[in-house]
Protein backbone atom coordinates (compact mmCIF):
# COMPACT_ATOMS: atom_id res chain seq x y z
CA UNK A 1 52.86 -69.69 11.12
CA UNK A 2 49.79 -71.45 9.33
CA UNK A 3 47.92 -70.08 6.22
CA UNK A 4 45.12 -68.50 8.10
CA UNK A 5 47.51 -66.37 10.16
CA UNK A 6 49.42 -65.54 6.93
CA UNK A 7 46.36 -64.30 5.51
CA UNK A 8 44.95 -62.51 8.41
CA UNK A 9 48.36 -60.86 8.47
CA UNK A 10 48.64 -59.92 4.92
CA UNK A 11 45.00 -58.47 5.20
CA UNK A 12 45.36 -56.15 8.23
CA UNK A 13 48.68 -54.96 6.84
CA UNK A 14 46.90 -54.00 3.65
CA UNK A 15 44.05 -52.31 5.25
CA UNK A 16 46.60 -50.32 7.57
CA UNK A 17 48.83 -49.24 4.19
CA UNK A 18 45.35 -48.39 2.37
CA UNK A 19 44.25 -45.95 5.35
CA UNK A 20 47.91 -44.97 5.83
CA UNK A 21 48.10 -43.93 2.11
CA UNK A 22 44.68 -42.08 2.27
CA UNK A 23 45.68 -40.06 5.36
CA UNK A 24 48.64 -38.96 3.94
CA UNK A 25 47.16 -37.76 0.37
CA UNK A 26 44.58 -35.93 2.61
CA UNK A 27 46.76 -34.36 5.12
CA UNK A 28 49.10 -33.21 2.01
CA UNK A 29 46.03 -31.87 -0.08
CA UNK A 30 44.71 -29.92 2.74
CA UNK A 31 47.94 -28.00 3.49
CA UNK A 32 48.65 -27.35 0.26
CA UNK A 33 45.26 -26.07 -0.58
CA UNK A 34 43.28 -25.54 2.14
CA UNK A 35 39.98 -26.91 0.80
CA UNK A 36 38.30 -29.68 2.67
CA UNK A 37 36.53 -31.12 -0.37
CA UNK A 38 39.70 -31.60 -2.26
CA UNK A 39 41.25 -33.11 0.64
CA UNK A 40 38.31 -35.81 1.16
CA UNK A 41 38.71 -36.45 -2.78
CA UNK A 42 42.57 -37.16 -2.33
CA UNK A 43 41.76 -39.10 0.68
CA UNK A 44 39.56 -41.63 -1.55
CA UNK A 45 42.19 -41.54 -4.06
CA UNK A 46 44.72 -42.31 -1.63
CA UNK A 47 42.93 -45.45 -0.44
CA UNK A 48 43.58 -46.79 -4.20
CA UNK A 49 47.48 -46.33 -4.21
CA UNK A 50 47.79 -49.71 -2.13
CA UNK A 51 45.61 -51.61 -4.19
CA UNK A 52 46.80 -50.42 -7.39
CA UNK A 53 50.71 -51.47 -6.39
CA UNK A 54 49.54 -54.54 -5.49
CA UNK A 55 48.07 -55.33 -8.75
CA UNK A 56 50.85 -54.31 -10.63
CA UNK A 57 53.50 -56.20 -8.14
CA UNK A 58 51.08 -59.36 -8.91
CA UNK A 59 51.18 -58.81 -12.56
CA UNK A 60 54.39 -58.53 -12.71
CA UNK A 61 55.26 -61.98 -10.93
CA UNK A 62 53.18 -63.81 -12.60
CA UNK A 63 54.85 -66.67 -14.46
CA UNK A 64 55.11 -66.07 -18.53
CA UNK A 65 54.79 -69.12 -20.54
CA UNK A 66 57.25 -70.13 -22.46
CA UNK A 67 55.90 -70.45 -25.94
CA UNK A 68 54.03 -67.61 -27.14
CA UNK A 69 51.27 -67.78 -29.64
CA UNK A 70 49.97 -64.88 -31.87
């Protein structure tokens, strides 16, 4: 697998997970509250779950310097 195929796969997987998070959040919100506007807002919020998790994982995985100066 070359670099372009890997980048495309990661991009597609990222988008699929984001859309899945939005659908799950919207369905749960609508089932619980029966308000379409609230379900829409929950779906929009669900789009940000995967990017937030990715940012946290990248921040935790970045290399730490050996010497810290304060």
